[in-house]
N, C-alpha and C. Protein backbone atom coordinates (compact mmCIF):
# COMPACT_ATOMS: atom_id res chain seq x y z
N MET A 1 0.78 -1.20 0.08
CA MET A 1 -0.09 -0.05 -0.02
C MET A 1 0.90 1.20 -0.04
N VAL A 2 0.50 2.21 -0.84
CA VAL A 2 1.25 3.59 -0.68
C VAL A 2 0.09 4.58 -0.72
N THR A 3 0.41 5.78 -0.24
CA THR A 3 -0.44 6.86 -0.20
C THR A 3 0.12 7.92 -1.10
N THR A 4 -0.61 8.59 -1.95
CA THR A 4 -0.27 9.84 -2.76
C THR A 4 -0.83 10.98 -2.01
N LEU A 5 0.06 11.84 -1.61
CA LEU A 5 -0.44 13.02 -1.11
C LEU A 5 -0.64 14.20 -1.88
N HIS A 6 -1.78 14.83 -1.78
CA HIS A 6 -2.12 15.91 -2.77
C HIS A 6 -2.07 17.22 -2.10
N GLY A 7 -2.27 17.41 -0.93
CA GLY A 7 -2.58 18.74 -0.20
C GLY A 7 -1.34 19.16 0.47
N ARG A 8 -1.50 20.29 1.23
CA ARG A 8 -0.56 20.93 1.94
C ARG A 8 0.08 20.08 2.98
N LEU A 9 1.35 20.17 3.32
CA LEU A 9 2.01 19.30 4.28
C LEU A 9 2.83 20.17 5.26
N ASP A 10 2.55 21.54 5.19
CA ASP A 10 3.27 22.22 6.25
C ASP A 10 2.25 22.53 7.28
N ILE A 11 1.24 21.74 7.57
CA ILE A 11 0.28 21.96 8.67
C ILE A 11 0.89 21.29 10.03
N SER A 12 1.08 21.85 10.99
CA SER A 12 1.85 21.43 12.13
C SER A 12 1.12 20.11 12.70
N ASP A 13 -0.23 20.04 12.49
CA ASP A 13 -0.92 18.86 13.11
C ASP A 13 -0.54 17.45 12.26
N LEU A 14 0.02 17.69 11.11
CA LEU A 14 0.39 16.42 10.34
C LEU A 14 1.57 15.81 10.81
N ILE A 15 2.49 16.63 11.31
CA ILE A 15 3.84 15.98 11.88
C ILE A 15 3.71 14.93 12.61
N PRO A 16 2.99 14.94 13.84
CA PRO A 16 2.78 13.58 14.65
C PRO A 16 2.25 12.56 14.06
N LEU A 17 1.19 12.79 13.06
CA LEU A 17 0.71 11.60 12.32
C LEU A 17 1.67 10.95 11.59
N TYR A 18 2.40 11.71 10.64
CA TYR A 18 3.45 11.10 9.82
C TYR A 18 4.66 10.58 10.62
N ARG A 19 4.96 11.18 11.80
CA ARG A 19 6.12 10.41 12.58
C ARG A 19 5.42 9.23 13.17
N GLU A 20 4.18 9.08 13.66
CA GLU A 20 3.66 7.79 14.09
C GLU A 20 3.57 6.59 13.03
N PHE A 21 3.38 7.04 11.82
CA PHE A 21 3.28 6.03 10.63
C PHE A 21 4.47 6.25 9.73
N SER A 22 5.67 6.45 10.25
CA SER A 22 6.83 6.61 9.44
C SER A 22 7.29 5.61 8.38
N GLU A 23 6.69 4.38 8.62
CA GLU A 23 6.99 3.37 7.71
C GLU A 23 6.13 3.42 6.54
N GLN A 24 5.05 4.12 6.49
CA GLN A 24 4.15 4.19 5.34
C GLN A 24 4.82 4.83 4.13
N PRO A 25 4.79 4.00 3.10
CA PRO A 25 5.37 4.61 1.92
C PRO A 25 4.60 5.60 1.25
N LEU A 26 5.11 6.79 0.94
CA LEU A 26 4.59 8.01 0.46
C LEU A 26 4.97 8.35 -0.99
N ILE A 27 4.03 8.95 -1.85
CA ILE A 27 4.35 9.43 -3.10
C ILE A 27 3.84 10.91 -3.06
N SER A 28 4.79 11.71 -3.59
CA SER A 28 4.56 13.16 -3.74
C SER A 28 4.20 13.50 -4.99
N ILE A 29 3.45 14.76 -5.22
CA ILE A 29 3.15 15.24 -6.54
C ILE A 29 4.27 16.16 -7.09
N SER A 30 5.21 16.52 -6.24
CA SER A 30 6.35 17.25 -6.71
C SER A 30 7.37 17.22 -5.54
N ASN A 31 8.69 17.32 -5.95
CA ASN A 31 9.78 17.20 -4.99
C ASN A 31 9.70 18.34 -4.02
N ALA A 32 9.26 19.53 -4.35
CA ALA A 32 8.96 20.68 -3.45
C ALA A 32 7.92 20.31 -2.36
N GLN A 33 6.87 19.51 -2.70
CA GLN A 33 6.04 19.06 -1.72
C GLN A 33 6.56 18.44 -0.53
N ARG A 34 7.66 17.78 -0.76
CA ARG A 34 8.17 16.86 0.43
C ARG A 34 8.83 17.69 1.44
N LYS A 35 9.27 19.00 1.20
CA LYS A 35 10.02 19.72 2.07
C LYS A 35 9.57 19.69 3.58
N PRO A 36 8.37 20.03 3.81
CA PRO A 36 7.88 20.03 5.16
C PRO A 36 8.03 18.70 5.90
N LEU A 37 8.06 17.56 5.14
CA LEU A 37 8.17 16.18 5.80
C LEU A 37 9.42 15.56 5.11
N HIS A 38 10.54 16.25 5.01
CA HIS A 38 11.62 15.77 4.31
C HIS A 38 12.05 14.37 4.80
N TRP A 39 11.84 14.05 5.99
CA TRP A 39 12.26 12.86 6.57
C TRP A 39 11.31 11.70 6.41
N ALA A 40 10.16 11.88 5.94
CA ALA A 40 9.11 10.94 5.74
C ALA A 40 9.59 9.67 4.66
N ASN A 41 8.87 8.82 4.67
CA ASN A 41 9.33 7.56 3.84
C ASN A 41 8.87 7.65 2.23
N TRP A 42 9.43 8.78 1.72
CA TRP A 42 9.04 9.12 0.13
C TRP A 42 9.62 7.97 -0.62
N ILE A 43 8.89 7.52 -1.55
CA ILE A 43 9.45 6.37 -2.47
C ILE A 43 9.40 6.87 -3.99
N ARG A 44 8.60 7.87 -4.23
CA ARG A 44 8.54 8.22 -5.48
C ARG A 44 7.84 9.58 -5.64
N THR A 45 8.20 10.40 -6.74
CA THR A 45 7.34 11.54 -7.14
C THR A 45 6.76 11.29 -8.59
N VAL A 46 5.41 11.47 -8.59
CA VAL A 46 4.53 11.44 -9.66
C VAL A 46 3.92 12.80 -9.89
N TYR A 47 4.70 13.43 -10.92
CA TYR A 47 4.06 14.68 -11.42
C TYR A 47 2.79 14.58 -11.91
N HIS A 48 1.92 15.76 -11.65
CA HIS A 48 0.53 15.97 -12.24
C HIS A 48 0.84 16.86 -13.37
N GLY A 49 0.06 16.54 -14.46
CA GLY A 49 0.19 17.57 -15.55
C GLY A 49 -0.24 16.77 -16.79
N LEU A 50 -0.07 17.55 -17.75
CA LEU A 50 -0.33 17.09 -19.26
C LEU A 50 1.01 16.55 -19.86
N PRO A 51 0.97 15.85 -20.86
CA PRO A 51 2.03 15.41 -21.66
C PRO A 51 2.59 16.70 -22.46
N GLU A 52 3.97 16.83 -22.41
CA GLU A 52 4.54 17.85 -22.93
C GLU A 52 4.29 18.28 -24.57
N ASP A 53 3.95 17.21 -25.19
CA ASP A 53 3.80 17.38 -26.68
C ASP A 53 2.10 17.54 -27.00
N LEU A 54 1.31 17.65 -25.89
CA LEU A 54 -0.06 17.76 -26.11
C LEU A 54 -0.36 18.94 -26.79
N TYR A 55 0.18 20.13 -26.39
CA TYR A 55 -0.16 21.32 -27.09
C TYR A 55 1.14 22.04 -27.76
N SER A 56 0.98 22.70 -28.71
CA SER A 56 2.04 23.56 -29.34
C SER A 56 2.10 25.08 -28.91
N LEU A 57 3.20 25.50 -28.91
CA LEU A 57 3.36 26.96 -28.58
C LEU A 57 2.62 27.96 -29.43
N ASN A 58 1.77 28.86 -28.86
CA ASN A 58 1.20 29.84 -29.67
C ASN A 58 2.07 31.15 -29.53
N LYS A 59 2.64 31.57 -30.56
CA LYS A 59 3.61 32.70 -30.38
C LYS A 59 2.98 34.13 -30.25
N THR A 60 1.71 34.10 -30.60
CA THR A 60 0.84 35.31 -30.56
C THR A 60 -0.56 35.10 -29.81
N PRO A 61 -0.26 34.76 -28.66
CA PRO A 61 -1.67 34.40 -27.81
C PRO A 61 -2.49 35.71 -27.41
N ASP A 62 -3.75 35.50 -27.35
CA ASP A 62 -4.46 36.66 -26.82
C ASP A 62 -4.00 36.86 -25.29
N PRO A 63 -3.87 37.98 -24.70
CA PRO A 63 -3.55 38.19 -23.28
C PRO A 63 -4.47 37.82 -22.44
N TYR A 64 -4.22 36.89 -21.39
CA TYR A 64 -5.21 36.46 -20.37
C TYR A 64 -4.31 35.75 -19.36
N LEU A 65 -4.93 35.85 -18.13
CA LEU A 65 -4.34 35.06 -17.00
C LEU A 65 -5.19 33.84 -16.82
N ALA A 66 -4.61 32.80 -16.26
CA ALA A 66 -5.40 31.58 -16.06
C ALA A 66 -5.42 31.09 -14.69
N PHE A 67 -6.52 30.62 -13.99
CA PHE A 67 -6.53 29.94 -12.64
C PHE A 67 -6.88 28.49 -13.04
N ILE A 68 -6.18 27.67 -12.88
CA ILE A 68 -6.33 26.22 -13.08
C ILE A 68 -6.18 25.38 -11.84
N GLY A 69 -7.19 24.68 -11.42
CA GLY A 69 -7.07 23.89 -10.16
C GLY A 69 -8.34 23.61 -9.36
N ARG A 70 -8.47 24.09 -8.27
CA ARG A 70 -9.46 23.71 -7.27
C ARG A 70 -9.91 25.00 -6.64
N ILE A 71 -11.22 25.21 -6.47
CA ILE A 71 -11.66 26.39 -5.66
C ILE A 71 -11.69 26.01 -4.24
N SER A 72 -10.95 26.74 -3.50
CA SER A 72 -10.88 26.45 -2.01
C SER A 72 -10.15 27.74 -1.40
N PRO A 73 -10.21 27.91 -0.16
CA PRO A 73 -9.71 29.14 0.49
C PRO A 73 -8.11 29.25 0.36
N GLU A 74 -7.33 28.05 0.35
CA GLU A 74 -6.00 27.98 0.24
C GLU A 74 -5.48 28.36 -1.12
N LYS A 75 -6.31 28.03 -2.15
CA LYS A 75 -6.00 28.34 -3.37
C LYS A 75 -6.10 29.76 -3.94
N ARG A 76 -6.72 30.55 -3.19
CA ARG A 76 -6.79 32.03 -3.37
C ARG A 76 -7.27 32.51 -4.75
N LEU A 77 -8.47 31.97 -5.19
CA LEU A 77 -8.99 32.44 -6.50
C LEU A 77 -9.48 34.00 -6.27
N ASP A 78 -9.87 34.37 -4.95
CA ASP A 78 -9.99 35.89 -4.91
C ASP A 78 -8.82 36.83 -5.18
N LEU A 79 -7.58 36.26 -4.95
CA LEU A 79 -6.39 37.01 -5.29
C LEU A 79 -6.15 36.98 -6.66
N ALA A 80 -6.40 35.85 -7.28
CA ALA A 80 -6.18 35.84 -8.71
C ALA A 80 -7.11 36.78 -9.53
N ILE A 81 -8.36 36.93 -9.05
CA ILE A 81 -9.27 37.91 -9.59
C ILE A 81 -8.85 39.19 -9.31
N GLU A 82 -8.33 39.53 -8.15
CA GLU A 82 -7.82 40.91 -7.71
C GLU A 82 -6.58 41.19 -8.69
N ILE A 83 -5.72 40.43 -8.89
CA ILE A 83 -4.51 40.46 -9.71
C ILE A 83 -5.06 40.79 -11.13
N ALA A 84 -5.93 40.11 -11.71
CA ALA A 84 -6.52 40.18 -13.06
C ALA A 84 -7.12 41.43 -13.30
N GLU A 85 -8.01 41.89 -12.16
CA GLU A 85 -8.65 43.20 -12.34
C GLU A 85 -7.68 44.26 -12.30
N GLY A 86 -6.65 44.37 -11.46
CA GLY A 86 -5.61 45.28 -11.26
C GLY A 86 -4.83 45.41 -12.54
N ALA A 87 -4.55 44.44 -13.19
CA ALA A 87 -3.76 44.34 -14.46
C ALA A 87 -4.53 44.67 -15.67
N GLY A 88 -5.90 44.58 -15.54
CA GLY A 88 -6.60 44.89 -16.54
C GLY A 88 -6.70 43.78 -17.73
N ILE A 89 -6.34 42.55 -17.27
CA ILE A 89 -6.24 41.34 -18.21
C ILE A 89 -7.38 40.44 -17.77
N PRO A 90 -7.98 39.85 -18.76
CA PRO A 90 -9.03 38.76 -18.44
C PRO A 90 -8.51 37.62 -17.81
N LEU A 91 -9.36 37.03 -16.90
CA LEU A 91 -9.00 35.84 -16.26
C LEU A 91 -9.91 34.66 -16.75
N LYS A 92 -9.21 33.54 -17.13
CA LYS A 92 -9.96 32.31 -17.35
C LYS A 92 -9.83 31.40 -16.20
N ILE A 93 -10.93 30.86 -15.83
CA ILE A 93 -10.99 29.95 -14.67
C ILE A 93 -11.42 28.52 -15.11
N ALA A 94 -10.58 27.50 -14.83
CA ALA A 94 -10.74 26.04 -15.08
C ALA A 94 -10.53 25.38 -13.67
N ALA A 95 -11.71 25.32 -13.01
CA ALA A 95 -11.45 24.68 -11.70
C ALA A 95 -12.65 23.76 -11.13
N LYS A 96 -12.22 22.75 -10.18
CA LYS A 96 -13.19 21.98 -9.63
C LYS A 96 -13.73 22.85 -8.50
N VAL A 97 -15.10 22.63 -8.18
CA VAL A 97 -15.63 23.30 -6.99
C VAL A 97 -16.33 22.11 -6.21
N ASP A 98 -15.78 21.77 -5.20
CA ASP A 98 -16.37 20.78 -4.19
C ASP A 98 -17.61 21.43 -3.40
N LYS A 99 -18.50 20.65 -3.03
CA LYS A 99 -19.63 21.20 -2.31
C LYS A 99 -19.23 22.03 -1.34
N VAL A 100 -18.39 21.70 -0.48
CA VAL A 100 -17.89 22.33 0.76
C VAL A 100 -17.40 23.79 0.35
N ASP A 101 -16.91 23.98 -0.79
CA ASP A 101 -16.16 25.27 -1.23
C ASP A 101 -17.21 26.09 -2.10
N ARG A 102 -18.41 25.61 -2.41
CA ARG A 102 -19.31 26.38 -3.30
C ARG A 102 -19.63 27.87 -2.85
N SER A 103 -19.68 28.07 -1.61
CA SER A 103 -19.89 29.50 -1.04
C SER A 103 -18.74 30.41 -1.47
N ILE A 104 -17.59 29.85 -1.34
CA ILE A 104 -16.46 30.68 -1.95
C ILE A 104 -16.48 30.99 -3.41
N PHE A 105 -16.88 29.91 -4.20
CA PHE A 105 -17.02 30.33 -5.56
C PHE A 105 -17.98 31.18 -5.94
N VAL A 106 -19.11 31.17 -5.21
CA VAL A 106 -20.21 32.07 -5.26
C VAL A 106 -19.73 33.49 -5.01
N MET A 107 -19.03 33.70 -3.79
CA MET A 107 -18.37 34.96 -3.52
C MET A 107 -17.47 35.42 -4.42
N SER A 108 -16.62 34.59 -5.08
CA SER A 108 -15.60 35.05 -5.90
C SER A 108 -16.21 35.31 -7.27
N SER A 109 -17.35 34.72 -7.63
CA SER A 109 -17.86 34.91 -9.00
C SER A 109 -18.56 36.27 -9.19
N ASP A 110 -18.80 36.81 -7.95
CA ASP A 110 -19.47 38.15 -7.94
C ASP A 110 -18.63 39.10 -8.80
N HIS A 111 -17.24 38.83 -8.83
CA HIS A 111 -16.30 39.69 -9.43
C HIS A 111 -16.18 39.43 -10.96
N LEU A 112 -16.79 38.29 -11.36
CA LEU A 112 -16.56 37.98 -12.72
C LEU A 112 -17.62 38.59 -13.69
């Protein structure tokens, strides 16, 4: 059994948990994700993303900013909206909205 960790690991309450189960093999989604628990039993990094050759470079793109990910307080969609508005550049959002975070999306979408 292995566990792939997708969330933040810099939360102090996690340290005792991962110390207690230090033999548990873990998979990270990036090498940087490992830093808070650098001593954990990391066995592999599996990067999330798209194949490098899926898209080609557009040398004259329309200017826009992109928010890609998940709508939640720690992802700061509100800050992305503020930056886009301040820069006067359109913001395109492609994000998952979990039930628990729908109120955040509704508040953020008031700016759209």
